[in-house]
C-alpha cells in the first residue's frame, strides 16, 4: 500500500523543523534525517470497487497515477531567487559563442 503523499510531506516538514531545533548545525547529518523520514508510515487503504486509494488521516482519495503526480509535485523544488541569480551568473560567465548557441 502506498503512503499518503500529503500527510507524509506535512510530517517531513515537522520532522525537519524539530531536527533543526534540536541538533546543532555542525552535528547535523543528512543520513540521520533520512532515517527519520524512513520511519514515516501513513498507509492508504484501497477501495476495491474503484481501485482508488483513500487516506484515513486527511481524506485524500486518488488513483495510483494521481498519487504519483502528487508526490512529484510535492518533491519538486521551488525555484528561489538565488537559483535564478545562479543561472544568470552561469549564463554571464559563458563565452559569447556559447551564448549564441543557446538561442
PDB file of N, CA and C in Angstrom:
ATOM      1  N   UNK A   1       0.831  -1.182   0.000  1.00  0.00           N
ATOM      2  CA  UNK A   1       0.000   0.000   0.000  1.00  0.00           C
ATOM      3  C   UNK A   1       0.880   1.252   0.000  1.00  0.00           C
ATOM      4  N   UNK A   2       0.522   2.239  -0.807  1.00  0.00           N
ATOM      5  CA  UNK A   2       1.318   3.482  -0.830  1.00  0.00           C
ATOM      6  C   UNK A   2       1.049   4.330   0.411  1.00  0.00           C
ATOM      7  N   UNK A   3       2.015   5.158   0.748  1.00  0.00           N
ATOM      8  CA  UNK A   3       1.847   6.125   1.819  1.00  0.00           C
ATOM      9  C   UNK A   3       1.153   7.358   1.267  1.00  0.00           C
ATOM     10  N   UNK A   4       0.379   8.031   2.095  1.00  0.00           N
ATOM     11  CA  UNK A   4      -0.304   9.251   1.676  1.00  0.00           C
ATOM     12  C   UNK A   4       0.743  10.332   1.428  1.00  0.00           C
ATOM     13  N   UNK A   5       0.821  10.873   0.214  1.00  0.00           N
ATOM     14  CA  UNK A   5       1.867  11.857  -0.079  1.00  0.00           C
ATOM     15  C   UNK A   5       1.686  13.172   0.680  1.00  0.00           C
ATOM     16  N   UNK A   6       0.446  13.608   0.869  1.00  0.00           N
ATOM     17  CA  UNK A   6       0.217  14.881   1.549  1.00  0.00           C
ATOM     18  C   UNK A   6       0.543  14.782   3.035  1.00  0.00           C
ATOM     19  N   UNK A   7       0.091  13.732   3.675  1.00  0.00           N
ATOM     20  CA  UNK A   7       0.389  13.540   5.101  1.00  0.00           C
ATOM     21  C   UNK A   7       1.885  13.331   5.317  1.00  0.00           C
ATOM     22  N   UNK A   8       2.514  12.604   4.415  1.00  0.00           N
ATOM     23  CA  UNK A   8       3.944  12.354   4.516  1.00  0.00           C
ATOM     24  C   UNK A   8       4.729  13.651   4.379  1.00  0.00           C
ATOM     25  N   UNK A   9       4.341  14.505   3.445  1.00  0.00           N
ATOM     26  CA  UNK A   9       5.029  15.787   3.249  1.00  0.00           C
ATOM     27  C   UNK A   9       4.895  16.665   4.496  1.00  0.00           C
ATOM     28  N   UNK A  10       3.697  16.713   5.070  1.00  0.00           N
ATOM     29  CA  UNK A  10       3.492  17.503   6.288  1.00  0.00           C
ATOM     30  C   UNK A  10       4.334  16.965   7.436  1.00  0.00           C
ATOM     31  N   UNK A  11       4.384  15.658   7.564  1.00  0.00           N
ATOM     32  CA  UNK A  11       5.164  15.036   8.636  1.00  0.00           C
ATOM     33  C   UNK A  11       6.654  15.292   8.437  1.00  0.00           C
ATOM     34  N   UNK A  12       7.128  15.233   7.198  1.00  0.00           N
ATOM     35  CA  UNK A  12       8.541  15.506   6.916  1.00  0.00           C
ATOM     36  C   UNK A  12       8.905  16.930   7.302  1.00  0.00           C
ATOM     37  N   UNK A  13       8.013  17.891   7.023  1.00  0.00           N
ATOM     38  CA  UNK A  13       8.275  19.280   7.397  1.00  0.00           C
ATOM     39  C   UNK A  13       8.405  19.420   8.907  1.00  0.00           C
ATOM     40  N   UNK A  14       7.502  18.766   9.643  1.00  0.00           N
ATOM     41  CA  UNK A  14       7.550  18.824  11.105  1.00  0.00           C
ATOM     42  C   UNK A  14       8.842  18.207  11.633  1.00  0.00           C
ATOM     43  N   UNK A  15       9.239  17.076  11.060  1.00  0.00           N
ATOM     44  CA  UNK A  15      10.471  16.401  11.485  1.00  0.00           C
ATOM     45  C   UNK A  15      11.682  17.285  11.209  1.00  0.00           C
ATOM     46  N   UNK A  16      11.712  17.925  10.033  1.00  0.00           N
ATOM     47  CA  UNK A  16      12.830  18.795   9.673  1.00  0.00           C
ATOM     48  C   UNK A  16      12.941  19.968  10.640  1.00  0.00           C
ATOM     49  N   UNK A  17      11.821  20.598  10.953  1.00  0.00           N
ATOM     50  CA  UNK A  17      11.833  21.735  11.879  1.00  0.00           C
ATOM     51  C   UNK A  17      12.319  21.297  13.259  1.00  0.00           C
ATOM     52  N   UNK A  18      11.805  20.179  13.733  1.00  0.00           N
ATOM     53  CA  UNK A  18      12.207  19.660  15.046  1.00  0.00           C
ATOM     54  C   UNK A  18      13.684  19.284  15.053  1.00  0.00           C
ATOM     55  N   UNK A  19      14.145  18.657  13.962  1.00  0.00           N
ATOM     56  CA  UNK A  19      15.547  18.246  13.847  1.00  0.00           C
ATOM     57  C   UNK A  19      16.465  19.464  13.883  1.00  0.00           C
ATOM     58  N   UNK A  20      16.089  20.522  13.153  1.00  0.00           N
ATOM     59  CA  UNK A  20      16.915  21.725  13.127  1.00  0.00           C
ATOM     60  C   UNK A  20      16.936  22.432  14.477  1.00  0.00           C
ATOM     61  N   UNK A  21      15.847  22.343  15.231  1.00  0.00           N
ATOM     62  CA  UNK A  21      15.806  22.958  16.559  1.00  0.00           C
ATOM     63  C   UNK A  21      16.647  22.184  17.567  1.00  0.00           C
ATOM     64  N   UNK A  22      16.621  20.868  17.478  1.00  0.00           N
ATOM     65  CA  UNK A  22      17.258  20.034  18.493  1.00  0.00           C
ATOM     66  C   UNK A  22      18.741  19.753  18.234  1.00  0.00           C
ATOM     67  N   UNK A  23      19.151  19.712  16.987  1.00  0.00           N
ATOM     68  CA  UNK A  23      20.524  19.322  16.654  1.00  0.00           C
ATOM     69  C   UNK A  23      21.305  20.557  16.208  1.00  0.00           C
ATOM     70  N   UNK A  24      22.489  20.722  16.791  1.00  0.00           N
ATOM     71  CA  UNK A  24      23.352  21.841  16.415  1.00  0.00           C
ATOM     72  C   UNK A  24      23.760  21.711  14.948  1.00  0.00           C
ATOM     73  N   UNK A  25      23.971  22.846  14.295  1.00  0.00           N
ATOM     74  CA  UNK A  25      24.236  22.847  12.851  1.00  0.00           C
ATOM     75  C   UNK A  25      25.471  22.029  12.479  1.00  0.00           C
ATOM     76  N   UNK A  26      26.505  22.087  13.298  1.00  0.00           N
ATOM     77  CA  UNK A  26      27.729  21.337  12.976  1.00  0.00           C
ATOM     78  C   UNK A  26      27.573  19.832  13.189  1.00  0.00           C
ATOM     79  N   UNK A  27      26.539  19.424  13.947  1.00  0.00           N
ATOM     80  CA  UNK A  27      26.314  17.997  14.203  1.00  0.00           C
ATOM     81  C   UNK A  27      25.277  17.372  13.267  1.00  0.00           C
ATOM     82  N   UNK A  28      24.698  18.151  12.395  1.00  0.00           N
ATOM     83  CA  UNK A  28      23.641  17.643  11.514  1.00  0.00           C
ATOM     84  C   UNK A  28      24.221  16.733  10.436  1.00  0.00           C
ATOM     85  N   UNK A  29      23.490  15.663  10.204  1.00  0.00           N
ATOM     86  CA  UNK A  29      23.880  14.710   9.169  1.00  0.00           C
ATOM     87  C   UNK A  29      22.634  14.347   8.367  1.00  0.00           C
ATOM     88  N   UNK A  30      22.724  14.448   7.069  1.00  0.00           N
ATOM     89  CA  UNK A  30      21.564  14.168   6.209  1.00  0.00           C
ATOM     90  C   UNK A  30      21.085  12.724   6.371  1.00  0.00           C
ATOM     91  N   UNK A  31      22.019  11.815   6.612  1.00  0.00           N
ATOM     92  CA  UNK A  31      21.639  10.408   6.750  1.00  0.00           C
ATOM     93  C   UNK A  31      20.738  10.194   7.964  1.00  0.00           C
ATOM     94  N   UNK A  32      21.030  10.915   9.061  1.00  0.00           N
ATOM     95  CA  UNK A  32      20.174  10.815  10.246  1.00  0.00           C
ATOM     96  C   UNK A  32      18.770  11.320   9.935  1.00  0.00           C
ATOM     97  N   UNK A  33      18.707  12.398   9.189  1.00  0.00           N
ATOM     98  CA  UNK A  33      17.409  12.961   8.817  1.00  0.00           C
ATOM     99  C   UNK A  33      16.652  11.991   7.915  1.00  0.00           C
ATOM    100  N   UNK A  34      17.338  11.379   6.971  1.00  0.00           N
ATOM    101  CA  UNK A  34      16.689  10.404   6.086  1.00  0.00           C
ATOM    102  C   UNK A  34      16.199   9.177   6.847  1.00  0.00           C
ATOM    103  N   UNK A  35      16.927   8.782   7.887  1.00  0.00           N
ATOM    104  CA  UNK A  35      16.475   7.662   8.714  1.00  0.00           C
ATOM    105  C   UNK A  35      15.172   8.011   9.417  1.00  0.00           C
ATOM    106  N   UNK A  36      15.059   9.268   9.868  1.00  0.00           N
ATOM    107  CA  UNK A  36      13.812   9.712  10.489  1.00  0.00           C
ATOM    108  C   UNK A  36      12.674   9.713   9.466  1.00  0.00           C
ATOM    109  N   UNK A  37      12.980  10.132   8.248  1.00  0.00           N
ATOM    110  CA  UNK A  37      11.966  10.136   7.179  1.00  0.00           C
ATOM    111  C   UNK A  37      11.504   8.719   6.854  1.00  0.00           C
ATOM    112  N   UNK A  38      12.416   7.764   6.902  1.00  0.00           N
ATOM    113  CA  UNK A  38      12.077   6.376   6.567  1.00  0.00           C
ATOM    114  C   UNK A  38      11.100   5.763   7.562  1.00  0.00           C
ATOM    115  N   UNK A  39      11.035   6.306   8.764  1.00  0.00           N
ATOM    116  CA  UNK A  39      10.137   5.776   9.784  1.00  0.00           C
ATOM    117  C   UNK A  39       8.686   6.206   9.575  1.00  0.00           C
ATOM    118  N   UNK A  40       8.459   7.147   8.680  1.00  0.00           N
ATOM    119  CA  UNK A  40       7.103   7.651   8.439  1.00  0.00           C
ATOM    120  C   UNK A  40       6.301   6.596   7.679  1.00  0.00           C
ATOM    121  N   UNK A  41       5.185   6.212   8.252  1.00  0.00           N
ATOM    122  CA  UNK A  41       4.294   5.268   7.577  1.00  0.00           C
ATOM    123  C   UNK A  41       2.857   5.731   7.776  1.00  0.00           C
ATOM    124  N   UNK A  42       2.264   6.206   6.705  1.00  0.00           N
ATOM    125  CA  UNK A  42       0.866   6.614   6.717  1.00  0.00           C
ATOM    126  C   UNK A  42       0.197   5.904   5.536  1.00  0.00           C
ATOM    127  N   UNK A  43      -0.109   4.613   5.709  1.00  0.00           N
ATOM    128  CA  UNK A  43      -0.639   3.839   4.581  1.00  0.00           C
ATOM    129  C   UNK A  43      -2.057   4.254   4.205  1.00  0.00           C
ATOM    130  N   UNK A  44      -2.329   4.127   2.934  1.00  0.00           N
ATOM    131  CA  UNK A  44      -3.661   4.413   2.407  1.00  0.00           C
ATOM    132  C   UNK A  44      -4.389   3.086   2.209  1.00  0.00           C
ATOM    133  N   UNK A  45      -5.685   3.112   2.369  1.00  0.00           N
ATOM    134  CA  UNK A  45      -6.481   1.907   2.164  1.00  0.00           C
ATOM    135  C   UNK A  45      -7.035   1.907   0.744  1.00  0.00           C
ATOM    136  N   UNK A  46      -7.145   0.711   0.166  1.00  0.00           N
ATOM    137  CA  UNK A  46      -7.634   0.596  -1.201  1.00  0.00           C
ATOM    138  C   UNK A  46      -9.131   0.318  -1.209  1.00  0.00           C
ATOM    139  N   UNK A  47      -9.839   1.094  -2.053  1.00  0.00           N
ATOM    140  CA  UNK A  47     -11.255   0.858  -2.286  1.00  0.00           C
ATOM    141  C   UNK A  47     -11.332  -0.192  -3.393  1.00  0.00           C
ATOM    142  N   UNK A  48     -11.798  -1.368  -3.064  1.00  0.00           N
ATOM    143  CA  UNK A  48     -11.773  -2.483  -4.014  1.00  0.00           C
ATOM    144  C   UNK A  48     -12.683  -2.263  -5.212  1.00  0.00           C
ATOM    145  N   UNK A  49     -13.749  -1.505  -5.046  1.00  0.00           N
ATOM    146  CA  UNK A  49     -14.681  -1.282  -6.156  1.00  0.00           C
ATOM    147  C   UNK A  49     -14.105  -0.363  -7.227  1.00  0.00           C
ATOM    148  N   UNK A  50     -13.430   0.706  -6.813  1.00  0.00           N
ATOM    149  CA  UNK A  50     -12.931   1.692  -7.776  1.00  0.00           C
ATOM    150  C   UNK A  50     -11.431   1.599  -8.011  1.00  0.00           C
ATOM    151  N   UNK A  51     -10.737   0.770  -7.234  1.00  0.00           N
ATOM    152  CA  UNK A  51      -9.278   0.621  -7.319  1.00  0.00           C
ATOM    153  C   UNK A  51      -8.546   1.922  -6.995  1.00  0.00           C
ATOM    154  N   UNK A  52      -9.174   2.781  -6.200  1.00  0.00           N
ATOM    155  CA  UNK A  52      -8.551   4.013  -5.740  1.00  0.00           C
ATOM    156  C   UNK A  52      -8.115   3.842  -4.294  1.00  0.00           C
ATOM    157  N   UNK A  53      -7.223   4.724  -3.867  1.00  0.00           N
ATOM    158  CA  UNK A  53      -6.706   4.675  -2.503  1.00  0.00           C
ATOM    159  C   UNK A  53      -7.264   5.837  -1.698  1.00  0.00           C
ATOM    160  N   UNK A  54      -7.455   5.588  -0.386  1.00  0.00           N
ATOM    161  CA  UNK A  54      -8.020   6.601   0.480  1.00  0.00           C
ATOM    162  C   UNK A  54      -7.177   6.699   1.752  1.00  0.00           C
ATOM    163  N   UNK A  55      -6.888   7.930   2.161  1.00  0.00           N
ATOM    164  CA  UNK A  55      -6.157   8.171   3.399  1.00  0.00           C
ATOM    165  C   UNK A  55      -7.165   8.424   4.510  1.00  0.00           C
ATOM    166  N   UNK A  56      -7.064   7.664   5.574  1.00  0.00           N
ATOM    167  CA  UNK A  56      -7.966   7.825   6.718  1.00  0.00           C
ATOM    168  C   UNK A  56      -7.648   9.091   7.505  1.00  0.00           C
ATOM    169  N   UNK A  57      -6.422   9.579   7.377  1.00  0.00           N
ATOM    170  CA  UNK A  57      -5.995  10.734   8.168  1.00  0.00           C
ATOM    171  C   UNK A  57      -6.460  12.059   7.555  1.00  0.00           C
ATOM    172  N   UNK A  58      -6.229  12.248   6.243  1.00  0.00           N
ATOM    173  CA  UNK A  58      -6.563  13.538   5.616  1.00  0.00           C
ATOM    174  C   UNK A  58      -7.743  13.446   4.650  1.00  0.00           C
ATOM    175  N   UNK A  59      -8.144  12.237   4.286  1.00  0.00           N
ATOM    176  CA  UNK A  59      -9.287  12.078   3.402  1.00  0.00           C
ATOM    177  C   UNK A  59      -8.957  12.097   1.920  1.00  0.00           C
ATOM    178  N   UNK A  60      -7.681  12.080   1.565  1.00  0.00           N
ATOM    179  CA  UNK A  60      -7.290  12.068   0.152  1.00  0.00           C
ATOM    180  C   UNK A  60      -7.813  10.795  -0.505  1.00  0.00           C
ATOM    181  N   UNK A  61      -8.438  10.956  -1.663  1.00  0.00           N
ATOM    182  CA  UNK A  61      -8.991   9.836  -2.423  1.00  0.00           C
ATOM    183  C   UNK A  61      -8.455   9.954  -3.840  1.00  0.00           C
ATOM    184  N   UNK A  62      -7.570   9.043  -4.236  1.00  0.00           N
ATOM    185  CA  UNK A  62      -6.914   9.189  -5.527  1.00  0.00           C
ATOM    186  C   UNK A  62      -6.502   7.835  -6.093  1.00  0.00           C
ATOM    187  N   UNK A  63      -6.311   7.830  -7.409  1.00  0.00           N
ATOM    188  CA  UNK A  63      -5.806   6.630  -8.078  1.00  0.00           C
ATOM    189  C   UNK A  63      -4.292   6.571  -7.901  1.00  0.00           C
ATOM    190  N   UNK A  64      -3.710   5.459  -8.294  1.00  0.00           N
ATOM    191  CA  UNK A  64      -2.262   5.290  -8.172  1.00  0.00           C
ATOM    192  C   UNK A  64      -1.518   6.356  -8.997  1.00  0.00           C
ATOM    193  N   UNK A  65      -2.026   6.676 -10.174  1.00  0.00           N
ATOM    194  CA  UNK A  65      -1.396   7.690 -11.024  1.00  0.00           C
ATOM    195  C   UNK A  65      -1.480   9.072 -10.380  1.00  0.00           C
ATOM    196  N   UNK A  66      -2.628   9.393  -9.793  1.00  0.00           N
ATOM    197  CA  UNK A  66      -2.792  10.685  -9.141  1.00  0.00           C
ATOM    198  C   UNK A  66      -1.872  10.809  -7.935  1.00  0.00           C
ATOM    199  N   UNK A  67      -1.693   9.721  -7.210  1.00  0.00           N
ATOM    200  CA  UNK A  67      -0.779   9.726  -6.069  1.00  0.00           C
ATOM    201  C   UNK A  67       0.640   9.997  -6.546  1.00  0.00           C
ATOM    202  N   UNK A  68       1.016   9.370  -7.648  1.00  0.00           N
ATOM    203  CA  UNK A  68       2.346   9.577  -8.218  1.00  0.00           C
ATOM    204  C   UNK A  68       2.530  11.044  -8.623  1.00  0.00           C
ATOM    205  N   UNK A  69       1.517  11.639  -9.245  1.00  0.00           N
ATOM    206  CA  UNK A  69       1.588  13.050  -9.645  1.00  0.00           C
ATOM    207  C   UNK A  69       1.716  13.968  -8.432  1.00  0.00           C
ATOM    208  N   UNK A  70       0.969  13.680  -7.388  1.00  0.00           N
ATOM    209  CA  UNK A  70       1.030  14.484  -6.166  1.00  0.00           C
ATOM    210  C   UNK A  70       2.417  14.396  -5.537  1.00  0.00           C
ATOM    211  N   UNK A  71       2.979  13.189  -5.492  1.00  0.00           N
ATOM    212  CA  UNK A  71       4.327  13.010  -4.942  1.00  0.00           C
ATOM    213  C   UNK A  71       5.335  13.822  -5.739  1.00  0.00           C
ATOM    214  N   UNK A  72       5.222  13.786  -7.066  1.00  0.00           N
ATOM    215  CA  UNK A  72       6.144  14.519  -7.925  1.00  0.00           C
ATOM    216  C   UNK A  72       6.056  16.021  -7.648  1.00  0.00           C
ATOM    217  N   UNK A  73       4.837  16.542  -7.558  1.00  0.00           N
ATOM    218  CA  UNK A  73       4.655  17.982  -7.309  1.00  0.00           C
ATOM    219  C   UNK A  73       5.174  18.389  -5.935  1.00  0.00           C
ATOM    220  N   UNK A  74       4.966  17.557  -4.938  1.00  0.00           N
ATOM    221  CA  UNK A  74       5.430  17.884  -3.593  1.00  0.00           C
ATOM    222  C   UNK A  74       6.950  17.806  -3.474  1.00  0.00           C
ATOM    223  N   UNK A  75       7.576  16.926  -4.227  1.00  0.00           N
ATOM    224  CA  UNK A  75       9.028  16.767  -4.160  1.00  0.00           C
ATOM    225  C   UNK A  75       9.778  17.733  -5.062  1.00  0.00           C
ATOM    226  N   UNK A  76       9.054  18.419  -5.932  1.00  0.00           N
ATOM    227  CA  UNK A  76       9.684  19.362  -6.839  1.00  0.00           C
ATOM    228  C   UNK A  76      10.170  20.569  -6.056  1.00  0.00           C
ATOM    229  N   UNK A  77      11.410  20.947  -6.272  1.00  0.00           N
ATOM    230  CA  UNK A  77      11.983  22.078  -5.562  1.00  0.00           C
ATOM    231  C   UNK A  77      11.513  23.375  -6.216  1.00  0.00           C
ATOM    232  N   UNK A  78      11.097  24.326  -5.385  1.00  0.00           N
ATOM    233  CA  UNK A  78      10.697  25.626  -5.913  1.00  0.00           C
ATOM    234  C   UNK A  78      11.939  26.413  -6.281  1.00  0.00           C
ATOM    235  N   UNK A  79      11.850  27.122  -7.403  1.00  0.00           N
ATOM    236  CA  UNK A  79      12.974  27.958  -7.822  1.00  0.00           C
ATOM    237  C   UNK A  79      12.989  29.214  -6.960  1.00  0.00           C
ATOM    238  N   UNK A  80      14.100  29.443  -6.326  1.00  0.00           N
ATOM    239  CA  UNK A  80      14.238  30.615  -5.479  1.00  0.00           C
ATOM    240  C   UNK A  80      14.966  31.716  -6.235  1.00  0.00           C
ATOM    241  N   UNK A  81      15.030  32.871  -5.619  1.00  0.00           N
ATOM    242  CA  UNK A  81      15.730  33.988  -6.232  1.00  0.00           C
ATOM    243  C   UNK A  81      17.212  33.652  -6.415  1.00  0.00           C
ATOM    244  N   UNK A  82      17.785  32.950  -5.450  1.00  0.00           N
ATOM    245  CA  UNK A  82      19.195  32.556  -5.553  1.00  0.00           C
ATOM    246  C   UNK A  82      19.424  31.635  -6.751  1.00  0.00           C
ATOM    247  N   UNK A  83      18.489  30.730  -7.012  1.00  0.00           N
ATOM    248  CA  UNK A  83      18.614  29.843  -8.170  1.00  0.00           C
ATOM    249  C   UNK A  83      18.640  30.655  -9.462  1.00  0.00           C
ATOM    250  N   UNK A  84      17.757  31.635  -9.543  1.00  0.00           N
ATOM    251  CA  UNK A  84      17.710  32.485 -10.740  1.00  0.00           C
ATOM    252  C   UNK A  84      19.001  33.282 -10.880  1.00  0.00           C
ATOM    253  N   UNK A  85      19.522  33.793  -9.763  1.00  0.00           N
ATOM    254  CA  UNK A  85      20.781  34.536  -9.813  1.00  0.00           C
ATOM    255  C   UNK A  85      21.932  33.639 -10.243  1.00  0.00           C
ATOM    256  N   UNK A  86      21.951  32.404  -9.761  1.00  0.00           N
ATOM    257  CA  UNK A  86      22.994  31.456 -10.161  1.00  0.00           C
ATOM    258  C   UNK A  86      22.912  31.150 -11.656  1.00  0.00           C
ATOM    259  N   UNK A  87      21.704  30.989 -12.174  1.00  0.00           N
ATOM    260  CA  UNK A  87      21.525  30.737 -13.602  1.00  0.00           C
ATOM    261  C   UNK A  87      22.031  31.914 -14.428  1.00  0.00           C
ATOM    262  N   UNK A  88      21.718  33.130 -13.970  1.00  0.00           N
ATOM    263  CA  UNK A  88      22.163  34.321 -14.688  1.00  0.00           C
ATOM    264  C   UNK A  88      23.684  34.426 -14.645  1.00  0.00           C
ATOM    265  N   UNK A  89      24.266  34.179 -13.480  1.00  0.00           N
ATOM    266  CA  UNK A  89      25.723  34.242 -13.353  1.00  0.00           C
ATOM    267  C   UNK A  89      26.386  33.216 -14.260  1.00  0.00           C
ATOM    268  N   UNK A  90      25.826  32.029 -14.324  1.00  0.00           N
ATOM    269  CA  UNK A  90      26.367  30.982 -15.204  1.00  0.00           C
ATOM    270  C   UNK A  90      26.275  31.428 -16.665  1.00  0.00           C
ATOM    271  N   UNK A  91      25.144  32.014 -17.044  1.00  0.00           N
ATOM    272  CA  UNK A  91      24.971  32.489 -18.416  1.00  0.00           C
ATOM    273  C   UNK A  91      25.961  33.603 -18.709  1.00  0.00           C
ATOM    274  N   UNK A  92      26.133  34.530 -17.765  1.00  0.00           N
ATOM    275  CA  UNK A  92      27.006  35.687 -17.962  1.00  0.00           C
ATOM    276  C   UNK A  92      28.465  35.260 -18.110  1.00  0.00           C
ATOM    277  N   UNK A  93      28.842  34.227 -17.401  1.00  0.00           N
ATOM    278  CA  UNK A  93      30.233  33.796 -17.430  1.00  0.00           C
ATOM    279  C   UNK A  93      30.567  32.947 -18.666  1.00  0.00           C
ATOM    280  N   UNK A  94      29.556  32.531 -19.419  1.00  0.00           N
ATOM    281  CA  UNK A  94      29.815  31.784 -20.652  1.00  0.00           C
ATOM    282  C   UNK A  94      30.464  32.686 -21.689  1.00  0.00           C
ATOM    283  N   UNK A  95      31.130  32.080 -22.635  1.00  0.00           N
ATOM    284  CA  UNK A  95      31.692  32.858 -23.733  1.00  0.00           C
ATOM    285  C   UNK A  95      30.581  33.301 -24.671  1.00  0.00           C
ATOM    286  N   UNK A  96      30.847  34.306 -25.464  1.00  0.00           N
ATOM    287  CA  UNK A  96      29.852  34.841 -26.367  1.00  0.00           C
ATOM    288  C   UNK A  96      29.394  33.769 -27.371  1.00  0.00           C
ATOM    289  N   UNK A  97      30.303  32.918 -27.781  1.00  0.00           N
ATOM    290  CA  UNK A  97      29.986  31.855 -28.729  1.00  0.00           C
ATOM    291  C   UNK A  97      28.950  30.888 -28.123  1.00  0.00           C
ATOM    292  N   UNK A  98      29.160  30.509 -26.855  1.00  0.00           N
ATOM    293  CA  UNK A  98      28.211  29.602 -26.189  1.00  0.00           C
ATOM    294  C   UNK A  98      26.834  30.243 -26.017  1.00  0.00           C
ATOM    295  N   UNK A  99      26.827  31.562 -25.763  1.00  0.00           N
ATOM    296  CA  UNK A  99      25.545  32.269 -25.589  1.00  0.00           C
ATOM    297  C   UNK A  99      24.752  32.243 -26.893  1.00  0.00           C
ATOM    298  N   UNK A 100      25.421  32.407 -28.000  1.00  0.00           N
ATOM    299  CA  UNK A 100      24.717  32.398 -29.290  1.00  0.00           C
ATOM    300  C   UNK A 100      24.185  31.011 -29.618  1.00  0.00           C
ATOM    301  N   UNK A 101      24.842  29.971 -29.163  1.00  0.00           N
ATOM    302  CA  UNK A 101      24.368  28.618 -29.412  1.00  0.00           C
ATOM    303  C   UNK A 101      23.105  28.315 -28.619  1.00  0.00           C
ATOM    304  N   UNK A 102      22.931  28.958 -27.461  1.00  0.00           N
ATOM    305  CA  UNK A 102      21.736  28.743 -26.637  1.00  0.00           C
ATOM    306  C   UNK A 102      20.475  29.305 -27.322  1.00  0.00           C
ATOM    307  N   UNK A 103      20.631  30.342 -28.084  1.00  0.00           N
ATOM    308  CA  UNK A 103      19.461  30.971 -28.736  1.00  0.00           C
ATOM    309  C   UNK A 103      19.083  30.301 -29.991  1.00  0.00           C
TER     310      UNK A 103
END
